[in-house]
Protein backbone atom coordinates (compact mmCIF):
# COMPACT_ATOMS: atom_id res chain seq x y z
CA MET A 1 77.67 144.27 131.77
CA SER A 2 76.74 140.60 132.20
CA TYR A 3 73.18 139.49 132.79
CA ALA A 4 74.08 138.38 136.33
CA ALA A 5 75.66 141.77 137.06
CA GLU A 6 72.50 143.52 135.83
CA ILE A 7 70.40 141.43 138.20
CA ILE A 8 72.68 142.24 141.12
CA GLU A 9 72.65 145.94 140.25
CA GLN A 10 68.83 145.92 140.15
CA ILE A 11 68.65 144.28 143.58
CA GLU A 12 71.12 146.86 144.93
CA GLN A 13 69.05 149.73 143.50
CA ASP A 14 65.89 148.30 145.04
CA HIS A 15 67.71 147.91 148.36
CA ARG A 16 68.62 151.60 148.33
CA ARG A 17 65.03 152.56 147.40
CA ILE A 18 63.63 150.49 150.27
CA GLY A 19 66.12 152.15 152.63
CA ARG A 20 64.91 155.58 151.53
CA LEU A 21 61.28 154.48 151.98
CA LEU A 22 62.00 153.28 155.50
CA GLN A 23 63.62 156.62 156.32
CA ALA A 24 60.58 158.46 154.95
CA ILE A 25 58.20 156.28 156.98
CA ASP A 26 60.23 157.11 160.12
CA ASN A 27 58.71 154.31 162.25
CA GLY A 28 55.22 155.44 161.30
CA ARG A 29 55.48 158.81 163.03
CA TRP A 30 53.83 160.52 160.08
CA TRP A 31 50.94 158.03 160.08
CA SER A 32 47.79 159.57 161.47
CA ALA A 33 45.29 157.12 162.94
CA ASP A 34 44.86 153.97 160.85
CA GLU A 35 45.31 155.44 157.37
CA PRO A 36 48.73 157.00 156.85
CA GLY A 37 48.56 160.00 154.58
CA ARG A 38 45.22 158.81 153.21
CA ALA A 39 46.91 155.68 151.87
CA ASN A 40 45.08 152.39 151.81
CA LEU A 41 46.77 150.21 154.43
CA GLU A 42 45.72 147.00 152.69
CA THR A 43 47.45 148.18 149.51
CA ILE A 44 50.60 149.01 151.48
CA ARG A 45 50.42 145.66 153.26
CA GLY A 46 49.98 143.82 149.96
CA ALA A 47 53.01 145.55 148.48
CA ALA A 48 55.06 144.76 151.60
CA LEU A 49 54.05 141.10 151.34
CA GLN A 50 55.17 141.06 147.69
CA ILE A 51 58.58 142.37 148.76
CA SER A 52 58.78 139.70 151.45
CA GLU A 53 57.76 136.89 149.11
CA SER A 54 60.18 138.02 146.40
CA THR A 55 63.00 138.30 148.92
CA MET A 56 62.30 134.79 150.22
CA LEU A 57 62.33 133.40 146.68
CA ILE A 58 65.61 135.11 145.77
CA GLU A 59 67.11 133.92 149.06
CA ARG A 60 66.11 130.33 148.28
CA LEU A 61 67.45 130.50 144.74
CA VAL A 62 70.72 132.12 145.75
CA GLY A 63 71.06 129.74 148.71
CA GLY A 64 71.84 126.92 146.31
CA ILE A 65 74.56 128.72 144.37
CA GLY A 66 77.91 127.02 144.67
CA THR A 67 76.46 123.71 145.80
CA ARG A 68 76.00 120.58 143.77
CA PHE A 69 72.28 120.37 144.57
CA PRO A 70 70.63 123.82 144.20
CA ARG A 71 67.51 123.26 146.36
CA HIS A 72 64.98 122.59 143.60
CA GLN A 73 65.34 126.01 141.95
CA ASN A 74 63.09 125.12 139.02
CA ALA A 75 60.25 123.96 141.25
CA LEU A 76 60.41 127.13 143.32
CA ALA A 77 60.58 129.44 140.34
CA SER A 78 57.52 127.91 138.73
CA SER A 79 55.30 127.58 141.79
CA PRO A 80 53.53 130.71 143.12
CA ALA A 81 52.65 128.79 146.30
CA ALA A 82 56.34 128.22 146.96
CA MET A 83 56.94 131.97 146.92
CA ALA A 84 54.47 132.51 149.77
CA THR A 85 55.56 129.59 151.95
CA PRO A 86 58.59 130.10 154.19
CA ASP A 87 60.99 127.21 154.76
CA PRO A 88 60.37 125.27 158.01
């Protein structure tokens, strides 16, 4: 399997895992009060933000594939601030 295919397979696996997590959360119906299942909401929020930031970065990097000018991929990949800042 090529390196690119491995990356795609990993993203697909993570997609399926997130889908299962969303089904388990069931729109928060199992959450009691402010702390679902005794989980720390800030920890959950932090993890959700990491998913969002990683998804934005991958989207930016992939957005340049097939074009002559790939949207400054190197700058984005090396800058943590770029990961947290959505495009205007």
